Amino acid sequence: MRDRGPVRASASGVRMVTGAPNGVLLDVRGLAPEFRRPIVFAMLEKMMELDCEDSLVVVLDHEPAGLGYQIDLRRETRGRFEYFYDQRLDGAWVALIRRKWE
């Protein structure tokens, strides 16, 4: 998941932009709410499958506290990721999800 150019899937409402030296930015604000978490969890599962060291940054239009809680509840992701979030000056919320390494 390193060193790729930007990818945009605007037809679905998801804008995924890669190219940060150590992560993937996933903006799900334009996506219907019922599709947001499945996409985030699909990304996390793929990161685990590929033994990926990159982090995932998710941009949302609401406070993402529940996402971190759900990451800790799921058997597949429990204890495997660190989760932080904050609100940007423009009102959007940003969640940083990093893989834990032993």
Protein backbone atom coordinates (compact mmCIF):
# COMPACT_ATOMS: atom_id res chain seq x y z
CA MET A 1 0.00 0.00 0.00
CA ARG A 2 2.94 2.33 -0.49
CA ASP A 3 3.84 4.80 -3.19
CA ARG A 4 0.66 4.92 -5.22
CA GLY A 5 -0.89 7.87 -6.99
CA PRO A 6 -4.24 9.35 -6.01
CA VAL A 7 -7.36 7.29 -6.56
CA ARG A 8 -10.83 8.81 -6.63
CA ALA A 9 -14.10 6.93 -6.88
CA SER A 10 -16.50 9.85 -6.98
CA ALA A 11 -19.38 7.88 -8.54
CA SER A 12 -19.78 5.97 -5.29
CA GLY A 13 -19.12 9.00 -3.13
CA VAL A 14 -15.88 7.59 -1.74
CA ARG A 15 -12.67 9.48 -2.32
CA MET A 16 -9.59 7.47 -1.48
CA VAL A 17 -6.32 9.27 -1.82
CA THR A 18 -3.05 7.52 -1.21
CA GLY A 19 0.43 8.84 -1.46
CA ALA A 20 1.15 9.84 2.12
CA PRO A 21 4.44 8.25 3.11
CA ASN A 22 2.82 6.07 5.74
CA GLY A 23 -0.89 5.83 5.19
CA VAL A 24 -4.14 5.90 3.29
CA LEU A 25 -6.71 8.70 3.44
CA LEU A 26 -10.31 7.57 3.06
CA ASP A 27 -12.98 10.30 2.82
CA VAL A 28 -16.42 8.71 3.31
CA ARG A 29 -18.46 11.89 3.78
CA GLY A 30 -20.17 11.54 0.38
CA LEU A 31 -21.19 7.94 0.99
CA ALA A 32 -24.52 6.76 2.43
CA PRO A 33 -24.12 5.99 6.17
CA GLU A 34 -24.90 2.28 5.78
CA PHE A 35 -21.86 1.82 3.51
CA ARG A 36 -19.27 3.76 5.53
CA ARG A 37 -18.31 1.27 8.22
CA PRO A 38 -18.30 -1.77 5.93
CA ILE A 39 -15.77 0.02 3.71
CA VAL A 40 -13.60 1.01 6.68
CA PHE A 41 -13.64 -2.54 8.05
CA ALA A 42 -12.88 -3.99 4.62
CA MET A 43 -9.81 -1.73 4.49
CA LEU A 44 -8.70 -2.82 7.98
CA GLU A 45 -9.15 -6.49 7.15
CA LYS A 46 -7.15 -6.06 3.94
CA MET A 47 -4.41 -4.28 5.90
CA MET A 48 -4.22 -7.25 8.28
CA GLU A 49 -4.28 -9.74 5.40
CA LEU A 50 -1.39 -7.95 3.67
CA ASP A 51 0.49 -7.44 6.95
CA CYS A 52 0.47 -3.76 6.07
CA GLU A 53 2.34 -1.21 8.19
CA ASP A 54 0.44 1.81 6.86
CA SER A 55 -2.16 3.69 8.86
CA LEU A 56 -5.69 4.57 7.79
CA VAL A 57 -7.07 8.10 8.10
CA VAL A 58 -10.85 8.32 7.74
CA VAL A 59 -12.60 11.67 7.15
CA LEU A 60 -16.21 11.79 8.36
CA ASP A 61 -18.97 14.35 8.87
CA HIS A 62 -19.81 13.23 12.43
CA GLU A 63 -17.95 12.38 15.62
CA PRO A 64 -16.47 8.89 15.06
CA ALA A 65 -16.31 7.67 18.67
CA GLY A 66 -18.54 4.71 17.82
CA LEU A 67 -16.15 3.55 15.11
CA GLY A 68 -13.32 3.12 17.61
CA TYR A 69 -15.67 1.28 19.95
CA GLN A 70 -16.73 -1.05 17.15
CA ILE A 71 -13.10 -1.74 16.20
CA ASP A 72 -12.51 -2.90 19.79
CA LEU A 73 -15.68 -5.02 19.79
CA ARG A 74 -15.03 -6.96 16.59
CA ARG A 75 -13.16 -10.20 17.10
CA GLU A 76 -11.13 -9.72 13.90
CA THR A 77 -9.81 -6.29 14.90
CA ARG A 78 -9.90 -6.34 18.72
CA GLY A 79 -6.57 -5.26 20.17
CA ARG A 80 -4.89 -4.97 16.78
CA PHE A 81 -5.37 -1.25 16.11
CA GLU A 82 -4.87 2.06 17.88
CA TYR A 83 -7.64 4.61 17.35
CA PHE A 84 -7.54 8.39 17.68
CA TYR A 85 -9.89 11.06 16.38
CA ASP A 86 -10.28 14.83 16.37
CA GLN A 87 -12.32 17.55 14.70
CA ARG A 88 -10.76 19.76 12.03
CA LEU A 89 -11.28 23.52 11.86
CA ASP A 90 -13.64 23.09 8.88
CA GLY A 91 -15.96 20.90 11.00
CA ALA A 92 -15.02 17.53 9.51
CA TRP A 93 -13.93 14.74 11.83
CA VAL A 94 -10.74 12.78 11.21
CA ALA A 95 -10.00 9.34 12.66
CA LEU A 96 -6.49 7.86 12.66
CA ILE A 97 -6.35 4.06 12.80
CA ARG A 98 -2.90 2.51 13.23
CA ARG A 99 -1.91 -1.12 13.39
CA LYS A 100 -0.39 -2.27 16.69
CA TRP A 101 2.83 -4.24 16.38
CA GLU A 102 4.32 -6.46 19.07
